[in-house]
C-alpha atoms as a PDB file:
ATOM      1  CA  MET A   1     -14.794 -70.800  24.386  1.00  0.00           C
ATOM      2  CA  ASN A   2     -14.270 -68.575  26.453  1.00  0.00           C
ATOM      3  CA  VAL A   3     -14.335 -65.008  24.567  1.00  0.00           C
ATOM      4  CA  THR A   4     -12.301 -62.848  26.736  1.00  0.00           C
ATOM      5  CA  GLU A   5     -10.216 -65.316  27.583  1.00  0.00           C
ATOM      6  CA  THR A   6      -6.336 -64.167  26.798  1.00  0.00           C
ATOM      7  CA  VAL A   7      -3.179 -65.952  24.891  1.00  0.00           C
ATOM      8  CA  PRO A   8       0.229 -64.866  24.151  1.00  0.00           C
ATOM      9  CA  ILE A   9       1.191 -64.477  20.411  1.00  0.00           C
ATOM     10  CA  GLY A  10       4.393 -66.640  19.925  1.00  0.00           C
ATOM     11  CA  LYS A  11       7.125 -65.319  22.512  1.00  0.00           C
ATOM     12  CA  THR A  12       5.803 -62.411  22.871  1.00  0.00           C
ATOM     13  CA  ASP A  13       4.317 -60.282  25.547  1.00  0.00           C
ATOM     14  CA  VAL A  14       1.303 -59.638  23.994  1.00  0.00           C
ATOM     15  CA  ARG A  15      -1.694 -61.565  25.010  1.00  0.00           C
ATOM     16  CA  VAL A  16      -5.001 -61.758  22.890  1.00  0.00           C
ATOM     17  CA  THR A  17      -8.606 -62.444  23.462  1.00  0.00           C
ATOM     18  CA  ARG A  18     -10.103 -65.687  21.837  1.00  0.00           C
ATOM     19  CA  LEU A  19     -12.304 -64.134  20.035  1.00  0.00           C
ATOM     20  CA  GLY A  20     -10.978 -61.069  17.958  1.00  0.00           C
ATOM     21  CA  LEU A  21     -13.186 -58.260  15.783  1.00  0.00           C
ATOM     22  CA  GLY A  22     -11.598 -57.854  11.868  1.00  0.00           C
ATOM     23  CA  LEU A  23     -12.442 -54.306  10.648  1.00  0.00           C
ATOM     24  CA  ALA A  24     -12.361 -54.693   7.466  1.00  0.00           C
ATOM     25  CA  PRO A  25     -16.338 -55.075   6.885  1.00  0.00           C
ATOM     26  CA  ILE A  26     -16.592 -51.251   8.885  1.00  0.00           C
ATOM     27  CA  GLY A  27     -14.111 -49.804   5.648  1.00  0.00           C
ATOM     28  CA  GLY A  28     -17.067 -50.412   3.880  1.00  0.00           C
ATOM     29  CA  LEU A  29     -16.993 -54.474   2.614  1.00  0.00           C
ATOM     30  CA  TYR A  30     -19.301 -54.377  -0.340  1.00  0.00           C
ATOM     31  CA  ALA A  31     -21.591 -51.882   1.221  1.00  0.00           C
ATOM     32  CA  PRO A  32     -21.321 -48.924   2.537  1.00  0.00           C
ATOM     33  CA  VAL A  33     -20.675 -48.145   6.220  1.00  0.00           C
ATOM     34  CA  SER A  34     -22.013 -45.080   8.297  1.00  0.00           C
ATOM     35  CA  GLU A  35     -19.250 -43.425  10.984  1.00  0.00           C
ATOM     36  CA  ALA A  36     -21.981 -43.931  13.490  1.00  0.00           C
ATOM     37  CA  GLN A  37     -22.280 -47.734  12.953  1.00  0.00           C
ATOM     38  CA  ALA A  38     -18.629 -48.179  12.803  1.00  0.00           C
ATOM     39  CA  ARG A  39     -18.297 -46.464  16.245  1.00  0.00           C
ATOM     40  CA  ALA A  40     -20.958 -48.584  17.518  1.00  0.00           C
ATOM     41  CA  THR A  41     -19.768 -51.767  15.846  1.00  0.00           C
ATOM     42  CA  VAL A  42     -16.004 -51.274  17.457  1.00  0.00           C
ATOM     43  CA  GLU A  43     -18.027 -50.329  20.806  1.00  0.00           C
ATOM     44  CA  LYS A  44     -19.864 -53.122  21.132  1.00  0.00           C
ATOM     45  CA  ALA A  45     -16.718 -55.396  20.632  1.00  0.00           C
ATOM     46  CA  TRP A  46     -15.456 -53.425  23.895  1.00  0.00           C
ATOM     47  CA  ASP A  47     -18.285 -53.885  25.825  1.00  0.00           C
ATOM     48  CA  LEU A  48     -18.770 -57.574  25.308  1.00  0.00           C
ATOM     49  CA  GLY A  49     -15.112 -58.130  25.945  1.00  0.00           C
ATOM     50  CA  ILE A  50     -13.868 -58.144  22.602  1.00  0.00           C
ATOM     51  CA  ARG A  51      -9.739 -56.565  23.037  1.00  0.00           C
ATOM     52  CA  TYR A  52      -8.063 -58.125  19.356  1.00  0.00           C
ATOM     53  CA  PHE A  53      -8.848 -55.519  17.202  1.00  0.00           C
ATOM     54  CA  ASP A  54      -7.699 -55.432  13.250  1.00  0.00           C
ATOM     55  CA  VAL A  55      -7.259 -53.798  10.743  1.00  0.00           C
ATOM     56  CA  ALA A  56      -4.944 -52.652   8.041  1.00  0.00           C
ATOM     57  CA  PRO A  57      -4.506 -49.511   4.998  1.00  0.00           C
ATOM     58  CA  LEU A  58      -5.958 -52.118   2.769  1.00  0.00           C
ATOM     59  CA  TYR A  59      -8.969 -51.874   3.940  1.00  0.00           C
ATOM     60  CA  GLY A  60     -11.361 -49.277   2.744  1.00  0.00           C
ATOM     61  CA  ASN A  61      -9.022 -47.293   1.315  1.00  0.00           C
ATOM     62  CA  GLY A  62      -7.680 -46.183   5.155  1.00  0.00           C
ATOM     63  CA  LEU A  63     -11.899 -45.804   6.154  1.00  0.00           C
ATOM     64  CA  SER A  64     -11.451 -49.121   8.840  1.00  0.00           C
ATOM     65  CA  GLU A  65      -7.971 -47.697  10.307  1.00  0.00           C
ATOM     66  CA  THR A  66      -9.562 -44.105  10.705  1.00  0.00           C
ATOM     67  CA  ARG A  67     -12.499 -45.437  11.483  1.00  0.00           C
ATOM     68  CA  ALA A  68     -11.253 -47.524  14.560  1.00  0.00           C
ATOM     69  CA  GLY A  69      -8.614 -45.342  15.674  1.00  0.00           C
ATOM     70  CA  ALA A  70     -11.560 -42.908  16.131  1.00  0.00           C
ATOM     71  CA  VAL A  71     -12.791 -44.640  18.729  1.00  0.00           C
ATOM     72  CA  LEU A  72      -9.330 -47.164  20.210  1.00  0.00           C
ATOM     73  CA  ARG A  73      -7.840 -43.828  21.174  1.00  0.00           C
ATOM     74  CA  ASP A  74      -9.865 -43.195  23.919  1.00  0.00           C
ATOM     75  CA  LYS A  75      -9.577 -46.418  25.607  1.00  0.00           C
ATOM     76  CA  PRO A  76      -6.547 -47.322  27.720  1.00  0.00           C
ATOM     77  CA  ARG A  77      -4.004 -48.269  25.642  1.00  0.00           C
ATOM     78  CA  GLU A  78      -2.326 -50.845  27.756  1.00  0.00           C
ATOM     79  CA  SER A  79      -5.961 -52.352  27.504  1.00  0.00           C
ATOM     80  CA  PHE A  80      -6.051 -53.529  23.866  1.00  0.00           C
ATOM     81  CA  VAL A  81      -4.412 -55.540  21.322  1.00  0.00           C
ATOM     82  CA  LEU A  82      -4.247 -53.920  18.167  1.00  0.00           C
ATOM     83  CA  SER A  83      -3.125 -54.951  14.508  1.00  0.00           C
ATOM     84  CA  THR A  84      -2.142 -53.704  11.358  1.00  0.00           C
ATOM     85  CA  LYS A  85      -0.785 -54.442   8.253  1.00  0.00           C
ATOM     86  CA  VAL A  86       2.335 -53.422   5.567  1.00  0.00           C
ATOM     87  CA  GLY A  87       2.605 -53.410   1.882  1.00  0.00           C
ATOM     88  CA  ARG A  88       0.705 -51.643   0.488  1.00  0.00           C
ATOM     89  CA  VAL A  89       1.047 -47.832   0.909  1.00  0.00           C
ATOM     90  CA  LEU A  90      -2.540 -45.408   0.090  1.00  0.00           C
ATOM     91  CA  ARG A  91      -1.426 -42.747  -2.948  1.00  0.00           C
ATOM     92  CA  ALA A  92      -3.453 -40.942  -5.577  1.00  0.00           C
ATOM     93  CA  GLY A  93      -3.869 -43.300  -8.519  1.00  0.00           C
ATOM     94  CA  GLY A  94      -2.318 -46.662  -6.860  1.00  0.00           C
ATOM     95  CA  ALA A  95      -2.808 -49.603  -8.697  1.00  0.00           C
ATOM     96  CA  ASP A  96      -3.861 -52.147  -6.762  1.00  0.00           C
ATOM     97  CA  ARG A  97      -8.066 -51.210  -6.417  1.00  0.00           C
ATOM     98  CA  GLN A  98     -10.638 -53.651  -5.984  1.00  0.00           C
ATOM     99  CA  ARG A  99     -14.409 -53.359  -6.579  1.00  0.00           C
ATOM    100  CA  ILE A 100     -15.274 -55.610  -2.850  1.00  0.00           C
ATOM    101  CA  TRP A 101     -14.932 -51.331  -1.559  1.00  0.00           C
ATOM    102  CA  ALA A 102     -18.019 -49.631  -1.705  1.00  0.00           C
ATOM    103  CA  GLU A 103     -17.060 -46.037  -0.221  1.00  0.00           C
ATOM    104  CA  PRO A 104     -15.246 -43.999  -2.940  1.00  0.00           C
ATOM    105  CA  VAL A 105     -11.892 -42.536  -1.372  1.00  0.00           C
ATOM    106  CA  GLU A 106      -8.846 -40.478  -3.123  1.00  0.00           C
ATOM    107  CA  VAL A 107      -6.322 -42.413  -2.777  1.00  0.00           C
ATOM    108  CA  THR A 108      -6.361 -46.244  -3.799  1.00  0.00           C
ATOM    109  CA  PRO A 109      -3.496 -49.220  -2.909  1.00  0.00           C
ATOM    110  CA  VAL A 110       0.406 -49.379  -4.171  1.00  0.00           C
ATOM    111  CA  PHE A 111       2.710 -52.498  -3.485  1.00  0.00           C
ATOM    112  CA  ASP A 112       5.686 -51.854  -1.718  1.00  0.00           C
ATOM    113  CA  PHE A 113       7.148 -54.125   0.138  1.00  0.00           C
ATOM    114  CA  SER A 114      10.506 -52.793   0.643  1.00  0.00           C
ATOM    115  CA  ALA A 115      11.687 -51.557   4.086  1.00  0.00           C
ATOM    116  CA  ASP A 116      11.735 -47.625   3.313  1.00  0.00           C
ATOM    117  CA  GLY A 117       8.028 -48.455   2.103  1.00  0.00           C
ATOM    118  CA  VAL A 118       7.191 -50.695   4.892  1.00  0.00           C
ATOM    119  CA  ARG A 119       8.453 -47.822   7.872  1.00  0.00           C
ATOM    120  CA  THR A 120       6.355 -44.987   5.562  1.00  0.00           C
ATOM    121  CA  SER A 121       3.626 -47.934   5.373  1.00  0.00           C
ATOM    122  CA  TYR A 122       3.981 -48.039   9.356  1.00  0.00           C
ATOM    123  CA  ALA A 123       3.957 -44.320  10.071  1.00  0.00           C
ATOM    124  CA  GLU A 124       0.882 -43.658   7.694  1.00  0.00           C
ATOM    125  CA  SER A 125      -1.254 -46.064   9.547  1.00  0.00           C
ATOM    126  CA  LEU A 126      -0.491 -44.993  12.573  1.00  0.00           C
ATOM    127  CA  THR A 127      -1.702 -40.829  11.387  1.00  0.00           C
ATOM    128  CA  ARG A 128      -4.544 -42.558  10.490  1.00  0.00           C
ATOM    129  CA  LEU A 129      -5.612 -44.372  13.812  1.00  0.00           C
ATOM    130  CA  GLY A 130      -4.682 -41.119  15.795  1.00  0.00           C
ATOM    131  CA  LEU A 131      -2.553 -44.079  18.337  1.00  0.00           C
ATOM    132  CA  ASP A 132       1.378 -43.764  18.933  1.00  0.00           C
ATOM    133  CA  ARG A 133       1.692 -48.015  18.191  1.00  0.00           C
ATOM    134  CA  ALA A 134       0.496 -51.355  16.780  1.00  0.00           C
ATOM    135  CA  ASP A 135       1.424 -54.337  18.237  1.00  0.00           C
ATOM    136  CA  LEU A 136       1.292 -56.537  15.657  1.00  0.00           C
ATOM    137  CA  LEU A 137       2.052 -55.889  12.782  1.00  0.00           C
ATOM    138  CA  HIS A 138       1.857 -58.308   9.636  1.00  0.00           C
ATOM    139  CA  VAL A 139       2.712 -58.175   5.490  1.00  0.00           C
ATOM    140  CA  HIS A 140      -0.044 -57.916   3.944  1.00  0.00           C
ATOM    141  CA  ASP A 141      -0.512 -60.608   1.358  1.00  0.00           C
ATOM    142  CA  PRO A 142       3.257 -61.005  -0.365  1.00  0.00           C
ATOM    143  CA  ASP A 143       2.320 -62.789  -2.506  1.00  0.00           C
ATOM    144  CA  ASP A 144       3.890 -62.453  -5.653  1.00  0.00           C
ATOM    145  CA  PHE A 145       6.505 -60.572  -3.956  1.00  0.00           C
ATOM    146  CA  PHE A 146       8.207 -62.486  -1.784  1.00  0.00           C
ATOM    147  CA  ALA A 147      11.839 -62.814  -2.985  1.00  0.00           C
ATOM    148  CA  GLN A 148      11.959 -58.779  -0.932  1.00  0.00           C
ATOM    149  CA  ALA A 149       9.218 -59.248   1.393  1.00  0.00           C
ATOM    150  CA  ALA A 150      11.533 -61.691   3.165  1.00  0.00           C
ATOM    151  CA  ALA A 151      15.237 -59.541   2.260  1.00  0.00           C
ATOM    152  CA  GLU A 152      13.853 -56.190   2.845  1.00  0.00           C
ATOM    153  CA  ALA A 153       9.999 -56.497   4.516  1.00  0.00           C
ATOM    154  CA  LEU A 154      10.419 -59.006   7.343  1.00  0.00           C
ATOM    155  CA  PRO A 155      13.482 -57.465   8.389  1.00  0.00           C
ATOM    156  CA  ALA A 156      12.337 -54.553   8.941  1.00  0.00           C
ATOM    157  CA  LEU A 157       9.713 -55.444  11.131  1.00  0.00           C
ATOM    158  CA  VAL A 158      12.348 -57.251  13.161  1.00  0.00           C
ATOM    159  CA  ASP A 159      14.045 -54.263  13.524  1.00  0.00           C
ATOM    160  CA  LEU A 160      10.949 -52.864  14.927  1.00  0.00           C
ATOM    161  CA  ARG A 161      11.023 -54.889  17.357  1.00  0.00           C
ATOM    162  CA  GLU A 162      13.718 -54.396  18.764  1.00  0.00           C
ATOM    163  CA  GLN A 163      12.731 -50.752  18.995  1.00  0.00           C
ATOM    164  CA  GLY A 164       9.886 -51.540  20.980  1.00  0.00           C
ATOM    165  CA  ARG A 165       7.443 -50.380  18.389  1.00  0.00           C
ATOM    166  CA  ILE A 166       5.869 -52.778  17.642  1.00  0.00           C
ATOM    167  CA  SER A 167       5.411 -56.213  20.283  1.00  0.00           C
ATOM    168  CA  GLY A 168       5.194 -58.421  17.184  1.00  0.00           C
ATOM    169  CA  VAL A 169       5.659 -59.332  14.016  1.00  0.00           C
ATOM    170  CA  SER A 170       3.595 -61.396  11.084  1.00  0.00           C
ATOM    171  CA  VAL A 171       2.794 -62.606   7.693  1.00  0.00           C
ATOM    172  CA  GLY A 172      -1.078 -62.472   7.259  1.00  0.00           C
ATOM    173  CA  MET A 173      -2.082 -64.559   4.107  1.00  0.00           C
ATOM    174  CA  ASN A 174      -4.543 -66.087   1.946  1.00  0.00           C
ATOM    175  CA  GLN A 175      -2.646 -69.746   0.982  1.00  0.00           C
ATOM    176  CA  THR A 176      -0.369 -72.343   2.588  1.00  0.00           C
ATOM    177  CA  GLY A 177       2.779 -72.359   0.956  1.00  0.00           C
ATOM    178  CA  LEU A 178       4.314 -69.258   1.445  1.00  0.00           C
ATOM    179  CA  PRO A 179       3.546 -68.663   4.982  1.00  0.00           C
ATOM    180  CA  VAL A 180       5.715 -72.177   5.624  1.00  0.00           C
ATOM    181  CA  GLU A 181       8.851 -69.995   3.669  1.00  0.00           C
ATOM    182  CA  PHE A 182       8.111 -67.043   6.043  1.00  0.00           C
ATOM    183  CA  VAL A 183       7.618 -69.273   9.371  1.00  0.00           C
ATOM    184  CA  ARG A 184      11.126 -70.826   8.832  1.00  0.00           C
ATOM    185  CA  THR A 185      12.615 -68.010   7.933  1.00  0.00           C
ATOM    186  CA  GLY A 186      12.774 -67.712  12.522  1.00  0.00           C
ATOM    187  CA  MET A 187      11.353 -64.058  12.532  1.00  0.00           C
ATOM    188  CA  LEU A 188       7.696 -64.359  12.527  1.00  0.00           C
ATOM    189  CA  ASP A 189       6.032 -64.267  16.397  1.00  0.00           C
ATOM    190  CA  CYS A 190       2.538 -65.701  14.310  1.00  0.00           C
ATOM    191  CA  VAL A 191       0.261 -66.013  11.278  1.00  0.00           C
ATOM    192  CA  LEU A 192      -2.347 -64.552   9.806  1.00  0.00           C
ATOM    193  CA  GLU A 193      -3.991 -66.744   7.962  1.00  0.00           C
ATOM    194  CA  ALA A 194      -7.329 -66.542   6.577  1.00  0.00           C
ATOM    195  CA  GLY A 195      -9.250 -68.771   5.593  1.00  0.00           C
ATOM    196  CA  ARG A 196      -7.417 -72.143   4.847  1.00  0.00           C
ATOM    197  CA  TYR A 197      -8.334 -73.952   8.320  1.00  0.00           C
ATOM    198  CA  THR A 198     -12.096 -73.806   8.089  1.00  0.00           C
ATOM    199  CA  LEU A 199     -15.090 -76.622   7.768  1.00  0.00           C
ATOM    200  CA  LEU A 200     -14.249 -76.160   4.016  1.00  0.00           C
ATOM    201  CA  ASP A 201     -10.457 -76.070   3.410  1.00  0.00           C
ATOM    202  CA  GLN A 202      -8.008 -77.446   6.322  1.00  0.00           C
ATOM    203  CA  SER A 203      -5.340 -76.958   3.904  1.00  0.00           C
ATOM    204  CA  ALA A 204      -3.508 -74.982   6.306  1.00  0.00           C
ATOM    205  CA  GLY A 205      -3.394 -78.177   8.492  1.00  0.00           C
ATOM    206  CA  ALA A 206      -0.981 -80.515   6.793  1.00  0.00           C
ATOM    207  CA  GLU A 207       2.015 -78.517   6.648  1.00  0.00           C
ATOM    208  CA  LEU A 208       1.441 -74.997   8.025  1.00  0.00           C
ATOM    209  CA  LEU A 209      -0.459 -75.425  11.758  1.00  0.00           C
ATOM    210  CA  PRO A 210       2.407 -78.316  12.556  1.00  0.00           C
ATOM    211  CA  LEU A 211       5.042 -76.810  11.888  1.00  0.00           C
ATOM    212  CA  CYS A 212       3.637 -73.115  13.434  1.00  0.00           C
ATOM    213  CA  LEU A 213       2.793 -75.393  16.922  1.00  0.00           C
ATOM    214  CA  SER A 214       6.478 -76.694  16.858  1.00  0.00           C
ATOM    215  CA  LEU A 215       8.684 -73.315  16.309  1.00  0.00           C
ATOM    216  CA  GLY A 216       5.751 -71.709  18.738  1.00  0.00           C
ATOM    217  CA  VAL A 217       4.764 -69.607  16.659  1.00  0.00           C
ATOM    218  CA  SER A 218       1.283 -68.338  16.942  1.00  0.00           C
ATOM    219  CA  VAL A 219      -1.743 -68.449  13.899  1.00  0.00           C
ATOM    220  CA  ILE A 220      -4.600 -66.443  14.420  1.00  0.00           C
ATOM    221  CA  ALA A 221      -7.508 -67.572  12.546  1.00  0.00           C
ATOM    222  CA  ALA A 222      -9.439 -65.408   9.892  1.00  0.00           C
ATOM    223  CA  GLY A 223     -11.741 -65.806   6.866  1.00  0.00           C
ATOM    224  CA  VAL A 224     -13.547 -68.364   8.874  1.00  0.00           C
ATOM    225  CA  PHE A 225     -17.287 -68.335   7.752  1.00  0.00           C
ATOM    226  CA  ASN A 226     -15.384 -68.291   4.142  1.00  0.00           C
ATOM    227  CA  SER A 227     -17.079 -64.878   2.542  1.00  0.00           C
ATOM    228  CA  GLY A 228     -19.668 -66.318   3.553  1.00  0.00           C
ATOM    229  CA  ILE A 229     -20.510 -69.486   2.088  1.00  0.00           C
ATOM    230  CA  LEU A 230     -20.011 -70.625   5.985  1.00  0.00           C
ATOM    231  CA  ALA A 231     -22.573 -68.198   7.328  1.00  0.00           C
ATOM    232  CA  ASP A 232     -25.720 -69.627   5.887  1.00  0.00           C
ATOM    233  CA  PRO A 233     -24.765 -71.211   2.606  1.00  0.00           C
ATOM    234  CA  ARG A 234     -27.556 -70.307   0.039  1.00  0.00           C
ATOM    235  CA  PRO A 235     -27.385 -71.152  -4.065  1.00  0.00           C
ATOM    236  CA  ASP A 236     -25.800 -67.215  -3.995  1.00  0.00           C
ATOM    237  CA  SER A 237     -23.057 -67.558  -1.412  1.00  0.00           C
ATOM    238  CA  THR A 238     -20.104 -66.190  -1.507  1.00  0.00           C
ATOM    239  CA  TYR A 239     -16.626 -68.418  -0.994  1.00  0.00           C
ATOM    240  CA  ASP A 240     -13.217 -66.622  -0.692  1.00  0.00           C
ATOM    241  CA  TYR A 241     -15.282 -62.782  -2.238  1.00  0.00           C
ATOM    242  CA  SER A 242     -16.301 -64.950  -5.499  1.00  0.00           C
ATOM    243  CA  PRO A 243     -19.332 -67.061  -6.261  1.00  0.00           C
ATOM    244  CA  ALA A 244     -19.685 -70.484  -4.385  1.00  0.00           C
ATOM    245  CA  SER A 245     -19.534 -73.497  -7.138  1.00  0.00           C
ATOM    246  CA  PRO A 246     -22.521 -75.989  -6.385  1.00  0.00           C
ATOM    247  CA  SER A 247     -20.130 -78.917  -4.958  1.00  0.00           C
ATOM    248  CA  LEU A 248     -19.388 -76.218  -1.998  1.00  0.00           C
ATOM    249  CA  ILE A 249     -22.068 -75.003  -1.610  1.00  0.00           C
ATOM    250  CA  GLU A 250     -23.397 -78.862  -1.854  1.00  0.00           C
ATOM    251  CA  ARG A 251     -21.447 -79.542   1.019  1.00  0.00           C
ATOM    252  CA  ALA A 252     -21.241 -76.696   3.610  1.00  0.00           C
ATOM    253  CA  LEU A 253     -25.029 -78.041   3.493  1.00  0.00           C
ATOM    254  CA  ALA A 254     -24.388 -81.067   4.610  1.00  0.00           C
ATOM    255  CA  VAL A 255     -21.594 -79.319   7.394  1.00  0.00           C
ATOM    256  CA  GLN A 256     -24.391 -77.541   8.298  1.00  0.00           C
ATOM    257  CA  ALA A 257     -27.393 -80.605   7.969  1.00  0.00           C
ATOM    258  CA  VAL A 258     -24.602 -82.516  11.053  1.00  0.00           C
ATOM    259  CA  CYS A 259     -24.401 -78.960  13.196  1.00  0.00           C
ATOM    260  CA  SER A 260     -28.080 -79.539  13.382  1.00  0.00           C
ATOM    261  CA  SER A 261     -28.546 -82.653  14.742  1.00  0.00           C
ATOM    262  CA  HIS A 262     -25.917 -81.713  17.445  1.00  0.00           C
ATOM    263  CA  GLY A 263     -29.019 -78.464  18.333  1.00  0.00           C
ATOM    264  CA  VAL A 264     -25.363 -75.949  16.461  1.00  0.00           C
ATOM    265  CA  PRO A 265     -25.826 -74.161  14.455  1.00  0.00           C
ATOM    266  CA  LEU A 266     -23.162 -73.358  11.682  1.00  0.00           C
ATOM    267  CA  ARG A 267     -21.885 -70.093  12.958  1.00  0.00           C
ATOM    268  CA  ALA A 268     -20.574 -71.416  15.903  1.00  0.00           C
ATOM    269  CA  ALA A 269     -19.064 -74.800  14.849  1.00  0.00           C
ATOM    270  CA  ALA A 270     -17.446 -72.179  11.750  1.00  0.00           C
ATOM    271  CA  ILE A 271     -16.309 -70.042  14.653  1.00  0.00           C
ATOM    272  CA  GLN A 272     -14.900 -72.146  17.336  1.00  0.00           C
ATOM    273  CA  PHE A 273     -13.598 -74.981  14.869  1.00  0.00           C
ATOM    274  CA  PRO A 274      -9.753 -73.014  14.244  1.00  0.00           C
ATOM    275  CA  LEU A 275      -9.559 -73.343  17.576  1.00  0.00           C
ATOM    276  CA  THR A 276      -9.769 -76.826  17.516  1.00  0.00           C
ATOM    277  CA  HIS A 277      -5.754 -76.674  16.759  1.00  0.00           C
ATOM    278  CA  PRO A 278      -3.172 -75.850  19.149  1.00  0.00           C
ATOM    279  CA  ALA A 279      -1.797 -73.554  17.150  1.00  0.00           C
ATOM    280  CA  VAL A 280      -4.841 -71.628  16.981  1.00  0.00           C
ATOM    281  CA  ALA A 281      -4.602 -68.458  19.148  1.00  0.00           C
ATOM    282  CA  CYS A 282      -7.948 -66.945  18.579  1.00  0.00           C
ATOM    283  CA  VAL A 283     -10.173 -66.326  15.658  1.00  0.00           C
ATOM    284  CA  LEU A 284     -10.618 -63.218  13.929  1.00  0.00           C
ATOM    285  CA  VAL A 285     -14.343 -62.205  12.863  1.00  0.00           C
ATOM    286  CA  GLY A 286     -15.584 -59.547  10.936  1.00  0.00           C
ATOM    287  CA  ALA A 287     -18.407 -57.312  11.356  1.00  0.00           C
ATOM    288  CA  ARG A 288     -19.800 -54.526   9.961  1.00  0.00           C
ATOM    289  CA  SER A 289     -22.804 -53.678  12.579  1.00  0.00           C
ATOM    290  CA  PRO A 290     -23.173 -54.533  16.672  1.00  0.00           C
ATOM    291  CA  GLU A 291     -25.744 -56.807  15.718  1.00  0.00           C
ATOM    292  CA  GLU A 292     -23.451 -58.739  13.852  1.00  0.00           C
ATOM    293  CA  VAL A 293     -20.426 -58.469  17.132  1.00  0.00           C
ATOM    294  CA  SER A 294     -23.495 -59.299  19.611  1.00  0.00           C
ATOM    295  CA  ASP A 295     -24.283 -63.006  17.010  1.00  0.00           C
ATOM    296  CA  ALA A 296     -20.351 -63.533  16.083  1.00  0.00           C
ATOM    297  CA  VAL A 297     -19.795 -63.555  20.510  1.00  0.00           C
ATOM    298  CA  GLU A 298     -22.765 -65.176  21.188  1.00  0.00           C
ATOM    299  CA  MET A 299     -21.860 -68.552  18.656  1.00  0.00           C
ATOM    300  CA  ALA A 300     -18.085 -68.086  20.131  1.00  0.00           C
ATOM    301  CA  SER A 301     -19.759 -69.112  23.690  1.00  0.00           C
ATOM    302  CA  ILE A 302     -21.787 -71.975  22.787  1.00  0.00           C
ATOM    303  CA  SER A 303     -20.481 -75.281  23.828  1.00  0.00           C
ATOM    304  CA  ILE A 304     -19.844 -77.397  21.221  1.00  0.00           C
ATOM    305  CA  PRO A 305     -20.234 -81.793  21.885  1.00  0.00           C
ATOM    306  CA  SER A 306     -16.953 -83.405  20.935  1.00  0.00           C
ATOM    307  CA  ALA A 307     -18.837 -86.209  19.436  1.00  0.00           C
ATOM    308  CA  LEU A 308     -19.832 -82.996  16.265  1.00  0.00           C
ATOM    309  CA  TRP A 309     -16.403 -82.881  15.152  1.00  0.00           C
ATOM    310  CA  SER A 310     -15.928 -86.862  14.849  1.00  0.00           C
ATOM    311  CA  ASP A 311     -19.038 -86.844  13.160  1.00  0.00           C
ATOM    312  CA  LEU A 312     -18.132 -84.686  10.733  1.00  0.00           C
ATOM    313  CA  ARG A 313     -14.887 -86.617  10.049  1.00  0.00           C
ATOM    314  CA  SER A 314     -16.458 -89.835   9.681  1.00  0.00           C
ATOM    315  CA  ALA A 315     -18.772 -88.352   7.111  1.00  0.00           C
ATOM    316  CA  GLY A 316     -15.518 -87.256   4.656  1.00  0.00           C
ATOM    317  CA  LEU A 317     -16.392 -83.847   5.451  1.00  0.00           C
ATOM    318  CA  LEU A 318     -13.752 -82.594   7.658  1.00  0.00           C
ATOM    319  CA  SER A 319      -9.742 -83.777   6.601  1.00  0.00           C
END
């Protein structure tokens, strides 16, 4: 993969680098991150040519946006692509508390997929970022709110796109069924699909990715390590933010063995696999330190022989 190559998102004028940086980790995902380390992480990505950055109000309950913005607002605005998310507003006493965020803040998320909620969320994100616009807006985790998100949130984002206040409309989810329905509305430019087109789970390849390809909707693949197991499969590995089952660990180790037989680190295969599908425009990899950014770029740049993918399929490890 040429990590600095840029490709278009849908039919928009947005072009993203093949490798993007997911900034949930600098919001204190699982463990605190200092302001200096967060800044150094974003700066390292910039130095290595990454020009697509993804944040969300949920990530650290505002910390990810604040920390990313502290770096990005000093960069030429036309030289990078930024996405954030809507569907949650941050309020004191919010009910959507998640224990995965290690740093205490005074606000927590409240789901709100109304048109007003979407506009409010976007405005508050820009304040935290210290920027005047984002390029892409993802409707974030509308799993239990499909009707309202389709009837109110998406049209509100389309209005923002028509006003030139954003360039692309998207949904970001950890499943495949509802994204298919959102794509069928005809309002999307892309889909942020997390964890469902990986070396352990290719469920997005059954319907979502072919549909997106046929309609010119780009796919941004995230969660390529399935929250850790595909970075380093061990007995204490996590899969989708929960302890991995023994069968999943066994499968990940089998994938790792095939990769090793080709002299390819598992991390490299995990990062590059989603781009084997033509619907996938780029891969988002999360990082919490400059060292993790450097490793992601190194892994993304390793040449992978096509025989590796063939061997994984022959072994029944890829669908």
